C-alpha atoms as a PDB file:
ATOM      1  CA  MET A   1      12.081 -38.752 -38.899  1.00  0.00           C
ATOM      2  CA  ALA A   2       9.270 -37.026 -36.823  1.00  0.00           C
ATOM      3  CA  LEU A   3      10.638 -33.834 -34.975  1.00  0.00           C
ATOM      4  CA  PHE A   4       7.694 -31.530 -33.386  1.00  0.00           C
ATOM      5  CA  GLY A   5       4.462 -32.758 -35.127  1.00  0.00           C
ATOM      6  CA  GLU A   6       6.003 -32.401 -38.883  1.00  0.00           C
ATOM      7  CA  LYS A   7       7.475 -35.626 -40.509  1.00  0.00           C
ATOM      8  CA  TYR A   8      10.555 -35.414 -43.080  1.00  0.00           C
ATOM      9  CA  GLY A   9      12.159 -37.728 -45.451  1.00  0.00           C
ATOM     10  CA  GLU A  10      15.705 -39.424 -45.590  1.00  0.00           C
ATOM     11  CA  ILE A  11      17.202 -35.966 -47.294  1.00  0.00           C
ATOM     12  CA  VAL A  12      16.615 -32.994 -44.769  1.00  0.00           C
ATOM     13  CA  ARG A  13      16.695 -29.496 -45.940  1.00  0.00           C
ATOM     14  CA  VAL A  14      18.732 -27.878 -43.301  1.00  0.00           C
ATOM     15  CA  VAL A  15      18.416 -23.582 -43.577  1.00  0.00           C
ATOM     16  CA  SER A  16      20.793 -21.508 -41.724  1.00  0.00           C
ATOM     17  CA  ILE A  17      20.878 -17.629 -41.124  1.00  0.00           C
ATOM     18  CA  GLY A  18      24.571 -16.570 -40.427  1.00  0.00           C
ATOM     19  CA  ASP A  19      26.152 -18.118 -37.686  1.00  0.00           C
ATOM     20  CA  TYR A  20      23.291 -17.872 -34.826  1.00  0.00           C
ATOM     21  CA  SER A  21      20.554 -19.835 -36.221  1.00  0.00           C
ATOM     22  CA  LEU A  22      20.847 -23.559 -37.866  1.00  0.00           C
ATOM     23  CA  GLU A  23      17.383 -25.186 -37.936  1.00  0.00           C
ATOM     24  CA  LEU A  24      15.680 -27.897 -40.427  1.00  0.00           C
ATOM     25  CA  CYS A  25      13.143 -27.221 -42.723  1.00  0.00           C
ATOM     26  CA  GLY A  26      10.496 -28.565 -45.155  1.00  0.00           C
ATOM     27  CA  GLY A  27      10.649 -25.497 -48.056  1.00  0.00           C
ATOM     28  CA  THR A  28      11.669 -22.409 -47.450  1.00  0.00           C
ATOM     29  CA  HIS A  29       9.617 -19.232 -47.876  1.00  0.00           C
ATOM     30  CA  VAL A  30      11.980 -16.296 -49.970  1.00  0.00           C
ATOM     31  CA  LYS A  31      14.491 -16.817 -51.501  1.00  0.00           C
ATOM     32  CA  ASN A  32      17.207 -14.945 -49.527  1.00  0.00           C
ATOM     33  CA  THR A  33      16.564 -13.154 -45.588  1.00  0.00           C
ATOM     34  CA  SER A  34      16.195  -9.648 -47.873  1.00  0.00           C
ATOM     35  CA  GLU A  35      12.711 -10.172 -48.908  1.00  0.00           C
ATOM     36  CA  ILE A  36      11.883 -10.685 -45.148  1.00  0.00           C
ATOM     37  CA  GLY A  37      12.584  -6.927 -44.383  1.00  0.00           C
ATOM     38  CA  LEU A  38      11.976  -5.158 -41.145  1.00  0.00           C
ATOM     39  CA  CYS A  39      10.688  -7.721 -38.492  1.00  0.00           C
ATOM     40  CA  LYS A  40       8.587  -7.163 -34.947  1.00  0.00           C
ATOM     41  CA  ILE A  41       8.492  -9.495 -32.616  1.00  0.00           C
ATOM     42  CA  VAL A  42       4.671  -9.142 -30.906  1.00  0.00           C
ATOM     43  CA  SER A  43       3.943 -12.175 -28.867  1.00  0.00           C
ATOM     44  CA  GLU A  44       5.905 -15.019 -27.167  1.00  0.00           C
ATOM     45  CA  SER A  45       4.482 -18.231 -25.227  1.00  0.00           C
ATOM     46  CA  GLY A  46       4.912 -21.331 -23.824  1.00  0.00           C
ATOM     47  CA  ILE A  47       2.982 -24.215 -25.615  1.00  0.00           C
ATOM     48  CA  GLY A  48       4.704 -26.989 -24.303  1.00  0.00           C
ATOM     49  CA  SER A  49       7.497 -27.866 -21.993  1.00  0.00           C
ATOM     50  CA  GLY A  50      10.743 -26.858 -23.078  1.00  0.00           C
ATOM     51  CA  VAL A  51       9.012 -24.869 -25.752  1.00  0.00           C
ATOM     52  CA  ARG A  52       8.096 -21.870 -26.726  1.00  0.00           C
ATOM     53  CA  ARG A  53       6.136 -20.051 -29.433  1.00  0.00           C
ATOM     54  CA  ILE A  54       7.169 -16.505 -30.863  1.00  0.00           C
ATOM     55  CA  GLU A  55       5.077 -14.872 -33.116  1.00  0.00           C
ATOM     56  CA  ALA A  56       6.173 -11.433 -35.709  1.00  0.00           C
ATOM     57  CA  VAL A  57       5.161  -9.966 -38.303  1.00  0.00           C
ATOM     58  CA  THR A  58       7.457  -8.444 -40.991  1.00  0.00           C
ATOM     59  CA  GLY A  59       7.332  -5.868 -44.068  1.00  0.00           C
ATOM     60  CA  GLN A  60       4.561  -3.810 -44.735  1.00  0.00           C
ATOM     61  CA  HIS A  61       3.185  -5.536 -41.726  1.00  0.00           C
ATOM     62  CA  ALA A  62       6.069  -4.397 -39.127  1.00  0.00           C
ATOM     63  CA  PHE A  63       5.931  -0.771 -40.661  1.00  0.00           C
ATOM     64  CA  ARG A  64       1.944  -0.577 -39.980  1.00  0.00           C
ATOM     65  CA  TYR A  65       1.921  -2.475 -36.808  1.00  0.00           C
ATOM     66  CA  LEU A  66       4.798  -0.277 -35.580  1.00  0.00           C
ATOM     67  CA  SER A  67       2.691   2.854 -36.623  1.00  0.00           C
ATOM     68  CA  GLU A  68      -0.657   1.871 -34.439  1.00  0.00           C
ATOM     69  CA  ARG A  69       1.983   1.767 -31.714  1.00  0.00           C
ATOM     70  CA  LEU A  70       3.333   5.069 -32.066  1.00  0.00           C
ATOM     71  CA  GLN A  71      -0.098   6.663 -32.539  1.00  0.00           C
ATOM     72  CA  LEU A  72      -1.388   5.070 -29.312  1.00  0.00           C
ATOM     73  CA  LEU A  73       1.738   6.302 -27.496  1.00  0.00           C
ATOM     74  CA  GLU A  74       1.788   9.849 -29.135  1.00  0.00           C
ATOM     75  CA  GLN A  75      -2.390   9.766 -27.719  1.00  0.00           C
ATOM     76  CA  THR A  76      -1.059   8.517 -24.330  1.00  0.00           C
ATOM     77  CA  ALA A  77       0.884  11.464 -24.074  1.00  0.00           C
ATOM     78  CA  GLU A  78      -1.492  14.070 -25.231  1.00  0.00           C
ATOM     79  CA  LEU A  79      -3.939  12.564 -22.090  1.00  0.00           C
ATOM     80  CA  LEU A  80      -1.164  13.101 -19.305  1.00  0.00           C
ATOM     81  CA  LYS A  81       0.214  16.305 -21.423  1.00  0.00           C
ATOM     82  CA  ALA A  82       3.883  14.801 -20.989  1.00  0.00           C
ATOM     83  CA  LYS A  83       6.743  14.852 -23.671  1.00  0.00           C
ATOM     84  CA  GLU A  84       7.056  10.773 -25.095  1.00  0.00           C
ATOM     85  CA  ALA A  85       9.865  10.487 -23.280  1.00  0.00           C
ATOM     86  CA  GLU A  86       8.710  11.351 -19.830  1.00  0.00           C
ATOM     87  CA  LEU A  87       5.674   8.862 -20.253  1.00  0.00           C
ATOM     88  CA  PRO A  88       7.350   5.912 -17.739  1.00  0.00           C
ATOM     89  CA  GLN A  89       8.431   8.522 -15.079  1.00  0.00           C
ATOM     90  CA  ARG A  90       4.274  10.411 -14.978  1.00  0.00           C
ATOM     91  CA  VAL A  91       2.444   7.234 -14.997  1.00  0.00           C
ATOM     92  CA  GLU A  92       4.552   6.354 -12.285  1.00  0.00           C
ATOM     93  CA  ALA A  93       3.881   9.152 -10.464  1.00  0.00           C
ATOM     94  CA  LEU A  94       0.018   8.879 -10.761  1.00  0.00           C
ATOM     95  CA  ARG A  95       0.696   5.209  -9.867  1.00  0.00           C
ATOM     96  CA  GLN A  96       1.827   6.416  -6.623  1.00  0.00           C
ATOM     97  CA  SER A  97      -0.646   9.205  -6.372  1.00  0.00           C
ATOM     98  CA  LEU A  98      -3.686   6.952  -6.604  1.00  0.00           C
ATOM     99  CA  LYS A  99      -2.040   4.380  -4.480  1.00  0.00           C
ATOM    100  CA  GLU A 100      -2.245   7.031  -1.889  1.00  0.00           C
ATOM    101  CA  ALA A 101      -5.678   8.332  -2.555  1.00  0.00           C
ATOM    102  CA  GLU A 102      -6.699   5.025  -1.739  1.00  0.00           C
ATOM    103  CA  ARG A 103      -5.227   4.851   0.978  1.00  0.00           C
ATOM    104  CA  GLU A 104      -6.935   7.695   2.652  1.00  0.00           C
ATOM    105  CA  ASN A 105     -10.020   6.512   1.238  1.00  0.00           C
ATOM    106  CA  GLU A 106      -9.149   2.916   3.343  1.00  0.00           C
ATOM    107  CA  SER A 107      -8.318   5.332   6.271  1.00  0.00           C
ATOM    108  CA  LEU A 108     -11.746   7.430   5.588  1.00  0.00           C
ATOM    109  CA  SER A 109     -13.794   4.618   5.202  1.00  0.00           C
ATOM    110  CA  ALA A 110     -12.818   2.984   8.090  1.00  0.00           C
ATOM    111  CA  LYS A 111     -13.296   6.194  10.611  1.00  0.00           C
ATOM    112  CA  LEU A 112     -16.671   6.022   8.798  1.00  0.00           C
ATOM    113  CA  ALA A 113     -17.542   2.792   9.833  1.00  0.00           C
ATOM    114  CA  GLN A 114     -16.359   3.315  13.498  1.00  0.00           C
ATOM    115  CA  MET A 115     -19.031   5.947  13.452  1.00  0.00           C
ATOM    116  CA  GLU A 116     -21.431   3.222  11.962  1.00  0.00           C
ATOM    117  CA  VAL A 117     -21.150   0.803  14.846  1.00  0.00           C
ATOM    118  CA  GLY A 118     -22.006   3.764  17.146  1.00  0.00           C
ATOM    119  CA  LYS A 119     -24.968   4.767  15.301  1.00  0.00           C
ATOM    120  CA  LEU A 120     -25.926   0.734  15.195  1.00  0.00           C
ATOM    121  CA  LEU A 121     -25.368  -0.187  18.774  1.00  0.00           C
ATOM    122  CA  GLU A 122     -27.867   2.350  19.742  1.00  0.00           C
ATOM    123  CA  LYS A 123     -30.789   0.701  17.701  1.00  0.00           C
ATOM    124  CA  VAL A 124     -30.268  -2.500  19.616  1.00  0.00           C
ATOM    125  CA  THR A 125     -33.445  -3.506  21.353  1.00  0.00           C
ATOM    126  CA  ASP A 126     -34.418  -5.992  23.615  1.00  0.00           C
ATOM    127  CA  VAL A 127     -37.381  -8.789  22.957  1.00  0.00           C
ATOM    128  CA  SER A 128     -38.277 -10.918  25.709  1.00  0.00           C
ATOM    129  CA  GLY A 129     -34.836 -10.884  27.207  1.00  0.00           C
ATOM    130  CA  VAL A 130     -32.602 -10.807  24.187  1.00  0.00           C
ATOM    131  CA  PRO A 131     -30.619  -7.881  22.572  1.00  0.00           C
ATOM    132  CA  VAL A 132     -31.338  -8.024  19.100  1.00  0.00           C
ATOM    133  CA  LEU A 133     -30.087  -5.314  16.018  1.00  0.00           C
ATOM    134  CA  ALA A 134     -31.655  -5.176  12.378  1.00  0.00           C
ATOM    135  CA  ALA A 135     -30.451  -2.036  10.195  1.00  0.00           C
ATOM    136  CA  SER A 136     -29.067  -0.928   7.291  1.00  0.00           C
ATOM    137  CA  VAL A 137     -25.269   0.506   6.385  1.00  0.00           C
ATOM    138  CA  ASN A 138     -24.380   2.288   3.825  1.00  0.00           C
ATOM    139  CA  VAL A 139     -21.054   0.509   2.747  1.00  0.00           C
ATOM    140  CA  SER A 140     -19.332   0.231  -1.022  1.00  0.00           C
ATOM    141  CA  ASP A 141     -18.743  -3.742  -1.124  1.00  0.00           C
ATOM    142  CA  MET A 142     -19.692  -6.945   1.054  1.00  0.00           C
ATOM    143  CA  THR A 143     -16.076  -6.699   2.759  1.00  0.00           C
ATOM    144  CA  ARG A 144     -17.022  -3.471   4.299  1.00  0.00           C
ATOM    145  CA  LEU A 145     -20.080  -5.050   5.320  1.00  0.00           C
ATOM    146  CA  ARG A 146     -18.301  -7.990   7.155  1.00  0.00           C
ATOM    147  CA  GLN A 147     -16.241  -5.554   8.220  1.00  0.00           C
ATOM    148  CA  VAL A 148     -18.884  -3.628  10.181  1.00  0.00           C
ATOM    149  CA  MET A 149     -20.821  -7.235  11.512  1.00  0.00           C
ATOM    150  CA  ASP A 150     -17.743  -7.733  13.226  1.00  0.00           C
ATOM    151  CA  ASP A 151     -16.941  -4.538  14.604  1.00  0.00           C
ATOM    152  CA  VAL A 152     -20.560  -4.322  16.291  1.00  0.00           C
ATOM    153  CA  LYS A 153     -20.233  -8.256  17.411  1.00  0.00           C
ATOM    154  CA  VAL A 154     -18.090  -6.975  19.344  1.00  0.00           C
ATOM    155  CA  LYS A 155     -19.810  -5.115  21.673  1.00  0.00           C
ATOM    156  CA  VAL A 156     -23.163  -6.955  21.354  1.00  0.00           C
ATOM    157  CA  LYS A 157     -22.022  -9.926  22.401  1.00  0.00           C
ATOM    158  CA  ARG A 158     -25.135 -11.287  22.712  1.00  0.00           C
ATOM    159  CA  GLY A 159     -28.019 -11.268  20.455  1.00  0.00           C
ATOM    160  CA  ILE A 160     -29.625 -11.619  17.450  1.00  0.00           C
ATOM    161  CA  ILE A 161     -27.805  -9.209  14.188  1.00  0.00           C
ATOM    162  CA  VAL A 162     -29.059  -8.721  10.616  1.00  0.00           C
ATOM    163  CA  LEU A 163     -27.035  -6.113   8.758  1.00  0.00           C
ATOM    164  CA  GLY A 164     -27.583  -5.461   4.877  1.00  0.00           C
ATOM    165  CA  ALA A 165     -26.513  -2.856   2.386  1.00  0.00           C
ATOM    166  CA  VAL A 166     -27.487  -1.595  -0.825  1.00  0.00           C
ATOM    167  CA  VAL A 167     -24.305  -2.777  -3.207  1.00  0.00           C
ATOM    168  CA  LYS A 168     -24.633  -2.368  -7.046  1.00  0.00           C
ATOM    169  CA  GLY A 169     -28.507  -2.490  -7.090  1.00  0.00           C
ATOM    170  CA  LYS A 170     -28.504  -5.324  -4.952  1.00  0.00           C
ATOM    171  CA  VAL A 171     -29.254  -6.633  -1.274  1.00  0.00           C
ATOM    172  CA  GLN A 172     -26.617  -7.647   0.369  1.00  0.00           C
ATOM    173  CA  LEU A 173     -27.226  -9.371   3.676  1.00  0.00           C
ATOM    174  CA  VAL A 174     -25.117 -10.199   6.762  1.00  0.00           C
ATOM    175  CA  ALA A 175     -26.257 -12.508  10.221  1.00  0.00           C
ATOM    176  CA  ARG A 176     -25.366 -13.710  13.477  1.00  0.00           C
ATOM    177  CA  VAL A 177     -26.641 -15.327  16.258  1.00  0.00           C
ATOM    178  CA  SER A 178     -24.379 -15.818  19.388  1.00  0.00           C
ATOM    179  CA  PRO A 179     -23.023 -19.081  19.961  1.00  0.00           C
ATOM    180  CA  ASP A 180     -25.162 -19.459  23.432  1.00  0.00           C
ATOM    181  CA  LEU A 181     -28.641 -18.617  20.971  1.00  0.00           C
ATOM    182  CA  VAL A 182     -27.483 -20.880  18.844  1.00  0.00           C
ATOM    183  CA  GLU A 183     -27.698 -23.341  21.424  1.00  0.00           C
ATOM    184  CA  GLU A 184     -31.759 -22.423  22.263  1.00  0.00           C
ATOM    185  CA  GLY A 185     -32.361 -23.298  18.862  1.00  0.00           C
ATOM    186  CA  TYR A 186     -31.636 -19.906  16.878  1.00  0.00           C
ATOM    187  CA  HIS A 187     -30.122 -19.967  13.356  1.00  0.00           C
ATOM    188  CA  ALA A 188     -28.654 -17.383  11.823  1.00  0.00           C
ATOM    189  CA  GLY A 189     -29.336 -19.117   8.388  1.00  0.00           C
ATOM    190  CA  LYS A 190     -32.749 -20.328   8.932  1.00  0.00           C
ATOM    191  CA  LEU A 191     -33.512 -15.988   9.696  1.00  0.00           C
ATOM    192  CA  VAL A 192     -31.394 -14.790   6.720  1.00  0.00           C
ATOM    193  CA  LYS A 193     -33.273 -17.551   4.364  1.00  0.00           C
ATOM    194  CA  GLU A 194     -36.179 -15.882   5.245  1.00  0.00           C
ATOM    195  CA  VAL A 195     -34.830 -12.044   5.376  1.00  0.00           C
ATOM    196  CA  ALA A 196     -33.548 -12.438   1.799  1.00  0.00           C
ATOM    197  CA  ALA A 197     -36.950 -14.537   0.116  1.00  0.00           C
ATOM    198  CA  LEU A 198     -37.965 -10.738   0.546  1.00  0.00           C
ATOM    199  CA  CYS A 199     -35.448  -9.387  -1.546  1.00  0.00           C
ATOM    200  CA  GLY A 200     -35.583 -12.612  -3.861  1.00  0.00           C
ATOM    201  CA  ALA A 201     -32.612 -13.585  -2.706  1.00  0.00           C
ATOM    202  CA  GLU A 202     -31.090 -17.971  -2.023  1.00  0.00           C
ATOM    203  CA  ALA A 203     -28.819 -18.670   1.125  1.00  0.00           C
ATOM    204  CA  GLU A 204     -27.135 -20.838   1.913  1.00  0.00           C
ATOM    205  CA  ALA A 205     -27.272 -22.540   5.198  1.00  0.00           C
ATOM    206  CA  GLY A 206     -25.473 -22.016   7.728  1.00  0.00           C
ATOM    207  CA  LEU A 207     -25.608 -21.563  12.045  1.00  0.00           C
ATOM    208  CA  THR A 208     -23.565 -18.500  12.698  1.00  0.00           C
ATOM    209  CA  TRP A 209     -23.544 -16.126   9.123  1.00  0.00           C
ATOM    210  CA  ARG A 210     -24.304 -15.895   5.852  1.00  0.00           C
ATOM    211  CA  ARG A 211     -24.446 -13.454   2.776  1.00  0.00           C
ATOM    212  CA  PRO A 212     -27.228 -14.216   0.158  1.00  0.00           C
ATOM    213  CA  ALA A 213     -27.441 -11.058  -2.500  1.00  0.00           C
ATOM    214  CA  GLY A 214     -30.770 -10.787  -4.858  1.00  0.00           C
ATOM    215  CA  LYS A 215     -32.440  -8.069  -6.925  1.00  0.00           C
ATOM    216  CA  ILE A 216     -33.722  -5.549  -4.854  1.00  0.00           C
ATOM    217  CA  ARG A 217     -37.795  -6.185  -4.560  1.00  0.00           C
ATOM    218  CA  VAL A 218     -38.584  -4.269  -1.142  1.00  0.00           C
ATOM    219  CA  SER A 219     -37.739  -1.199   0.061  1.00  0.00           C
ATOM    220  CA  SER A 220     -35.046  -0.857   2.512  1.00  0.00           C
ATOM    221  CA  SER A 221     -37.421  -0.374   5.926  1.00  0.00           C
ATOM    222  CA  THR A 222     -39.570  -2.541   4.952  1.00  0.00           C
ATOM    223  CA  LEU A 223     -37.191  -5.461   5.246  1.00  0.00           C
ATOM    224  CA  TRP A 224     -35.697  -4.655   8.522  1.00  0.00           C
ATOM    225  CA  ARG A 225     -38.895  -3.813   9.713  1.00  0.00           C
ATOM    226  CA  LYS A 226     -40.279  -7.166   8.521  1.00  0.00           C
ATOM    227  CA  CYS A 227     -36.751  -8.378   9.786  1.00  0.00           C
ATOM    228  CA  ARG A 228     -37.475  -7.150  13.203  1.00  0.00           C
ATOM    229  CA  THR A 229     -40.919  -8.711  12.853  1.00  0.00           C
ATOM    230  CA  LEU A 230     -39.607 -12.221  11.833  1.00  0.00           C
ATOM    231  CA  TRP A 231     -37.632 -12.021  15.106  1.00  0.00           C
ATOM    232  CA  THR A 232     -39.868 -11.035  17.555  1.00  0.00           C
ATOM    233  CA  ARG A 233     -42.279 -13.913  16.501  1.00  0.00           C
ATOM    234  CA  TRP A 234     -39.229 -16.670  16.833  1.00  0.00           C
ATOM    235  CA  VAL A 235     -38.620 -15.339  20.422  1.00  0.00           C
ATOM    236  CA  LYS A 236     -42.188 -14.761  21.205  1.00  0.00           C
ATOM    237  CA  LYS A 237     -42.093 -19.000  20.212  1.00  0.00           C
ATOM    238  CA  ARG A 238     -39.273 -19.666  21.655  1.00  0.00           C
ATOM    239  CA  ASP A 239     -40.923 -18.500  25.158  1.00  0.00           C
ATOM    240  CA  SER A 240     -44.003 -20.662  24.222  1.00  0.00           C
ATOM    241  CA  LEU A 241     -42.107 -23.852  23.984  1.00  0.00           C
ATOM    242  CA  GLN A 242     -40.488 -23.259  26.994  1.00  0.00           C
ATOM    243  CA  GLU A 243     -43.693 -22.406  29.119  1.00  0.00           C
ATOM    244  CA  LYS A 244     -45.214 -25.178  27.860  1.00  0.00           C
ATOM    245  CA  ARG A 245     -41.981 -27.475  28.496  1.00  0.00           C
ATOM    246  CA  VAL A 246     -42.312 -26.326  32.204  1.00  0.00           C
ATOM    247  CA  SER A 247     -45.469 -26.872  32.622  1.00  0.00           C
ATOM    248  CA  ARG A 248     -45.118 -30.722  31.384  1.00  0.00           C
ATOM    249  CA  GLU A 249     -42.391 -30.973  34.174  1.00  0.00           C
ATOM    250  CA  ASN A 250     -44.301 -29.754  36.499  1.00  0.00           C
ATOM    251  CA  ASP A 251     -46.926 -31.798  36.047  1.00  0.00           C
END
């Protein structure tokens, strides 16, 4: 017979421990359970459908394992300046305090973002009838940058917007072209691809917005100045093409 990948002969040893354990065994490692001594389960996991694996240490190894855990407990109590029995309550209090601090931080970040949006709106300029905005913002991550973009596009319903931030030593970019300008041929993916090239980043294709990241190769002021130059050139090119088209139609 074969059971759990192990093969047994016609006669199989059966090992019992009291009235709570009965199992097949190819051979025992101890004469009786007293030789095992202390037994401490250290892990339990599933290794298959309906099969669990339990790992444990015994004897001196079990005492060493428990001694190490006791030392960790004592060190934690010392760091938290609490008695060992009070550790669960102290940890829970710290967890609640951290959650409250995170909520306050989120609230403050939201207020700062609104102030940032107000300042950004003052930087919107008109290029041949197209509202454009290129600016760097002070945010902690890409999520915040996207939130600022969402807030700005609510106010700037028509136009071209490129926002950037330096996050952990990398330039993060978000670009948006309003739907009416997309129909005129403006492409946020192409715009941000050229801007990203200044940062050593690679941009993916996209009509409305993309978010590439790359190592800084230029200063923020240079980046935003060149960004304005890019779309100024695009707008003038559009106007030139429109004039030529109108001229041909009149002819």
